[in-house]
Protein backbone atom coordinates (compact mmCIF):
# COMPACT_ATOMS: atom_id res chain seq x y z
CA MET A 1 -1.96 -12.63 -10.83
CA LEU A 2 -5.57 -11.58 -11.38
CA ILE A 3 -4.57 -9.45 -14.35
CA GLU A 4 -3.05 -12.51 -16.01
CA LEU A 5 -6.39 -14.33 -15.76
CA LYS A 6 -8.31 -11.68 -17.70
CA PRO A 7 -8.14 -10.96 -21.45
CA GLY A 8 -6.22 -7.83 -22.37
CA LYS A 9 -3.50 -5.88 -20.60
CA PRO A 10 -3.16 -3.05 -18.06
CA THR A 11 -4.28 0.21 -19.66
CA TRP A 12 -0.89 1.88 -19.15
CA GLN A 13 0.66 -0.72 -21.49
CA ALA A 14 -1.97 -0.18 -24.18
CA TRP A 15 -2.42 3.59 -23.75
CA ARG A 16 -0.03 4.90 -26.42
CA LYS A 17 -1.48 2.59 -29.07
CA MET A 18 -5.12 3.26 -28.21
CA THR A 19 -7.04 5.62 -30.48
CA MET A 20 -8.74 8.64 -28.95
CA ALA A 21 -12.09 6.96 -29.63
CA ALA A 22 -10.96 3.89 -27.65
CA LYS A 23 -9.79 6.08 -24.77
CA ILE A 24 -13.11 7.92 -24.71
CA TRP A 25 -14.96 4.60 -24.67
CA MET A 26 -12.79 3.34 -21.83
CA VAL A 27 -13.54 6.45 -19.75
CA GLU A 28 -17.27 6.15 -20.47
CA GLN A 29 -17.20 2.49 -19.40
CA MET A 30 -15.52 3.44 -16.12
CA ALA A 31 -18.19 6.10 -15.54
CA ASP A 32 -20.86 3.46 -16.22
CA PHE A 33 -19.28 1.01 -13.75
CA GLN A 34 -18.89 3.73 -11.14
CA SER A 35 -22.50 4.87 -11.45
CA GLN A 36 -23.68 1.28 -10.93
CA ILE A 37 -21.61 1.04 -7.74
CA PHE A 38 -22.96 4.39 -6.52
CA ARG A 39 -26.50 2.99 -6.58
CA HIS A 40 -25.63 0.68 -3.70
CA GLU A 41 -25.44 2.88 -0.60
CA PHE A 42 -24.50 1.98 2.96
CA GLN A 43 -24.92 3.69 6.32
CA SER A 44 -21.39 4.00 7.68
CA ILE A 45 -17.68 4.14 6.82
CA GLY A 46 -15.80 0.85 6.90
CA THR A 47 -14.82 -2.13 4.78
CA LEU A 48 -17.41 -4.47 3.29
CA LEU A 49 -17.89 -7.82 5.03
CA LEU A 50 -20.14 -10.81 4.49
CA GLY A 51 -22.71 -11.55 7.16
CA GLU A 52 -21.46 -14.12 9.68
CA GLY A 53 -22.65 -17.70 9.28
CA GLU A 54 -24.16 -17.09 5.86
CA ALA A 55 -23.32 -18.86 2.61
CA PRO A 56 -21.08 -16.70 0.37
CA ASP A 57 -23.60 -16.66 -2.49
CA THR A 58 -26.49 -15.45 -0.31
CA ALA A 59 -24.71 -13.47 2.41
CA ALA A 60 -25.69 -9.87 2.99
CA VAL A 61 -22.82 -7.45 2.49
CA LYS A 62 -22.45 -4.86 5.25
CA PRO A 63 -19.90 -2.32 6.54
CA GLY A 64 -17.38 -3.77 8.98
CA ARG A 65 -14.05 -2.90 10.52
CA VAL A 66 -11.88 -0.58 8.44
CA VAL A 67 -9.18 -2.47 6.56
CA MET A 68 -7.16 0.25 4.83
CA GLN A 69 -3.43 0.26 4.26
CA HIS A 70 -2.70 3.37 6.29
CA TYR A 71 -4.32 1.74 9.35
CA PHE A 72 -1.78 -1.05 9.61
CA GLN A 73 1.35 0.11 7.78
CA ASP A 74 4.39 1.40 9.70
CA GLU A 75 3.47 -0.64 12.80
CA ARG A 76 0.20 1.21 13.40
CA TYR A 77 -1.84 -1.98 13.81
CA ASP A 78 -1.56 -2.10 17.62
CA ILE A 79 -2.47 1.55 18.32
CA ASP A 80 -5.73 2.02 20.21
CA ILE A 81 -8.27 4.18 18.36
CA LEU A 82 -12.05 4.52 18.08
CA PRO A 83 -13.31 1.21 16.65
CA SER A 84 -14.90 1.07 13.21
CA PRO A 85 -17.17 1.13 11.27
CA TYR A 86 -17.71 4.87 11.72
CA ARG A 87 -21.03 6.68 11.79
CA SER A 88 -19.70 9.91 10.29
CA THR A 89 -16.78 11.35 8.36
CA TYR A 90 -15.76 13.22 11.52
CA ASP A 91 -15.50 9.97 13.51
CA TRP A 92 -13.44 8.33 10.77
CA LEU A 93 -10.99 11.21 10.32
CA HIS A 94 -10.76 11.82 14.07
CA ALA A 95 -9.67 8.19 14.53
CA TYR A 96 -7.25 8.49 11.60
CA ILE A 97 -5.62 11.63 13.02
CA SER A 98 -5.46 10.05 16.50
CA LEU A 99 -3.68 7.06 14.97
CA LEU A 100 -1.12 9.36 13.39
CA GLN A 101 -0.65 11.44 16.55
CA GLN A 102 -0.03 8.40 18.75
CA GLN A 103 2.41 6.95 16.23
CA GLN A 104 4.45 10.16 16.10
CA GLN A 105 4.50 10.47 19.90
CA LYS A 106 5.87 6.94 20.03
CA LEU A 107 8.52 7.73 17.41
CA ILE A 108 9.65 10.87 19.26
CA LEU A 109 10.45 8.72 22.30
CA GLU A 110 12.10 5.97 20.25
CA TYR A 111 14.28 8.40 18.29
CA ALA A 112 15.24 10.60 21.23
CA VAL A 113 18.95 10.29 20.36
CA TYR A 114 18.47 10.59 16.59
CA GLN A 115 17.79 14.28 16.10
CA GLU A 116 16.89 14.16 12.40
CA TYR A 117 14.27 11.42 12.86
CA LYS A 118 12.97 13.09 16.00
CA ASP A 119 12.59 16.38 14.12
CA ASP A 120 10.60 14.66 11.36
CA ALA A 121 8.27 13.03 13.90
CA THR A 122 7.87 16.34 15.77
CA ALA A 123 6.98 18.18 12.55
CA THR A 124 4.48 15.48 11.61
CA LEU A 125 2.89 15.57 15.07
CA SER A 126 2.57 19.36 14.89
CA LEU A 127 0.83 19.11 11.53
CA ALA A 128 -1.45 16.33 12.79
CA ASP A 129 -2.41 18.54 15.75
CA ASN A 130 -3.28 21.35 13.31
CA LEU A 131 -5.42 18.99 11.23
CA ALA A 132 -7.20 17.83 14.40
CA ALA A 133 -8.05 21.44 15.25
CA LEU A 134 -9.28 22.06 11.70
CA LEU A 135 -11.38 18.88 11.48
CA PRO A 136 -14.57 20.07 13.29
CA LYS A 137 -14.59 23.24 11.19
CA ILE A 138 -14.92 21.15 8.02
CA PHE A 139 -16.87 18.09 9.17
CA PRO A 140 -19.53 18.35 11.92
CA ALA A 141 -18.88 16.23 14.99
CA MET A 142 -22.61 15.61 15.56
CA VAL A 143 -24.80 14.33 12.73
CA ALA A 144 -28.48 13.44 12.83
CA GLN A 145 -28.21 10.58 10.36
CA PRO A 146 -25.41 8.07 9.66
CA LYS A 147 -23.17 8.92 6.74
CA GLN A 148 -24.40 7.69 3.35
CA THR A 149 -21.44 5.90 1.78
CA VAL A 150 -20.52 3.97 -1.35
CA LEU A 151 -17.71 1.62 -2.30
CA LEU A 152 -14.75 3.51 -3.77
CA HIS A 153 -11.54 2.26 -5.34
CA SER A 154 -8.89 4.21 -3.43
CA ASP A 155 -6.09 3.80 -5.98
CA LEU A 156 -7.70 3.54 -9.40
CA SER A 157 -5.14 4.06 -12.15
CA LEU A 158 -4.08 2.92 -15.59
CA ALA A 159 -2.16 0.10 -13.87
CA ASN A 160 -5.21 -1.70 -12.50
CA ILE A 161 -7.75 -1.18 -15.29
CA VAL A 162 -7.47 -4.02 -17.84
CA VAL A 163 -8.54 -3.39 -21.46
CA ASP A 164 -8.54 -5.47 -24.63
CA ASP A 165 -7.27 -4.30 -28.03
CA ASP A 166 -10.52 -2.44 -28.75
CA GLY A 167 -10.49 -0.51 -25.46
CA LYS A 168 -13.13 -2.65 -23.76
CA VAL A 169 -12.62 -2.80 -20.00
CA THR A 170 -12.32 -6.46 -18.99
CA ALA A 171 -11.36 -6.05 -15.33
CA VAL A 172 -10.62 -3.60 -12.51
CA VAL A 173 -8.27 -5.09 -9.90
CA ASP A 174 -6.54 -4.13 -6.62
CA TRP A 175 -9.64 -3.85 -4.42
CA GLU A 176 -7.98 -5.41 -1.36
CA CYS A 177 -7.80 -2.26 0.82
CA CYS A 178 -10.78 -0.36 -0.56
CA GLY A 179 -13.56 0.80 1.71
CA LEU A 180 -16.76 2.81 1.93
CA ASP A 181 -16.56 6.57 1.58
CA GLY A 182 -19.08 9.37 1.31
CA HIS A 183 -17.18 11.47 -1.22
CA ARG A 184 -17.87 10.46 -4.79
CA ALA A 185 -14.79 12.12 -6.24
CA PRO A 186 -13.57 11.35 -9.78
CA PRO A 187 -10.86 8.66 -9.95
CA LYS A 188 -7.33 9.96 -9.43
CA HIS A 189 -4.59 9.16 -11.97
CA LEU A 190 -7.13 7.67 -14.39
CA ILE A 191 -5.81 9.56 -17.38
CA HIS A 192 -2.59 11.31 -18.30
CA TYR A 193 -1.91 13.10 -21.59
CA GLU A 194 -5.48 14.00 -22.58
CA THR A 195 -6.48 14.78 -18.99
CA THR A 196 -8.67 17.82 -19.62
CA GLN A 197 -10.62 16.41 -22.53
CA LEU A 198 -11.19 12.98 -21.01
CA ARG A 199 -12.09 14.46 -17.61
CA LYS A 200 -14.85 16.44 -19.32
CA ILE A 201 -16.11 13.27 -21.00
CA TYR A 202 -16.04 11.36 -17.71
CA THR A 203 -17.93 14.13 -15.91
CA ALA A 204 -20.52 14.43 -18.70
CA LYS A 205 -21.11 10.68 -18.66
CA MET A 206 -21.43 10.63 -14.86
CA LYS A 207 -24.00 13.45 -14.99
CA GLU A 208 -25.95 11.42 -17.54
CA LEU A 209 -25.84 8.20 -15.52
CA TRP A 210 -25.93 9.64 -11.99
CA LEU A 211 -28.12 12.73 -11.70
CA GLN A 212 -26.76 13.69 -8.27
CA TRP A 213 -23.18 13.89 -9.58
CA GLU A 214 -23.09 17.63 -10.30
CA VAL A 215 -24.84 18.54 -7.03
CA GLU A 216 -22.50 16.34 -4.98
CA GLU A 217 -19.41 17.70 -6.75
CA VAL A 218 -20.41 21.26 -5.84
CA ASN A 219 -21.58 20.53 -2.30
CA ASP A 220 -18.62 18.36 -1.39
CA GLY A 221 -16.07 21.06 -2.18
CA PHE A 222 -12.37 20.67 -2.81
CA LEU A 223 -11.41 21.13 0.85
CA ARG A 224 -13.57 18.21 1.99
CA ARG A 225 -12.09 15.98 -0.70
CA ASP A 226 -8.51 17.06 -0.02
CA PHE A 227 -8.65 16.82 3.77
CA PRO A 228 -8.39 12.99 4.05
CA ARG A 229 -5.53 13.05 1.54
CA ALA A 230 -3.71 15.64 3.65
CA ILE A 231 -3.92 13.34 6.67
CA GLN A 232 -2.60 10.43 4.62
CA ARG A 233 0.32 12.47 3.29
CA CYS A 234 1.03 13.94 6.70
CA ALA A 235 3.09 10.88 7.65
CA VAL A 236 5.31 11.16 4.57
CA VAL A 237 8.17 13.59 5.18
CA ARG A 238 8.46 14.78 1.59
CA TYR A 239 4.79 15.79 1.56
CA LEU A 240 4.86 17.87 4.75
CA PRO A 241 5.14 21.29 3.02
CA SER A 242 2.15 20.60 0.75
CA CYS A 243 0.04 19.35 3.67
CA ASP A 244 0.85 22.45 5.67
CA ARG A 245 -0.61 24.61 2.88
CA LEU A 246 -4.03 23.04 3.41
């Protein structure tokens, strides 16, 4: 519905007819938008909320309880975990893994007479246990300062970036389950055919607009960026082999 209210169309519909110059401009615009968002840092991991009792136009925005899809899908909403917002990446991922472990333990009991489903839940639980053991080796459990975080779009793609006929970005939609994260990774699925060339342009533009980009890309490391994704995919049976390779 929001897309229909903005001029233009989803980028995936316009992509084949866009010139390379228009695609480059679109990527540079997204880098510009992202760098502006990165300038607004917060002190914990959660979902942005307005201050209570304040008028919407003057309310201070602050981190609140995590509202992410994987926290409430598949009947996970009533599982008891460490409350959010989280002070560190370790706290966040520890709660996430605990959520997954408790869900699989519940499924093993429910599917006791259905061997195939029970086997899937058992395999998922085993992988979740392995991720739990690996977690403190990647993210420290004790941190001196709260995690510096920024707002990230968790599912940015050509489907939710709206452009006009000239390639001007008119809207970015689907923010409903996006939260604060400390890993400023490039958007996933932003580009398809010209991936390598446009990725270089995006990275170059980000380095120009956000001087810390190159340092953070190196320091963050692929393992730190892939670890949360491995937890998310852990609950999907078809992804189990790829998660196990982490």
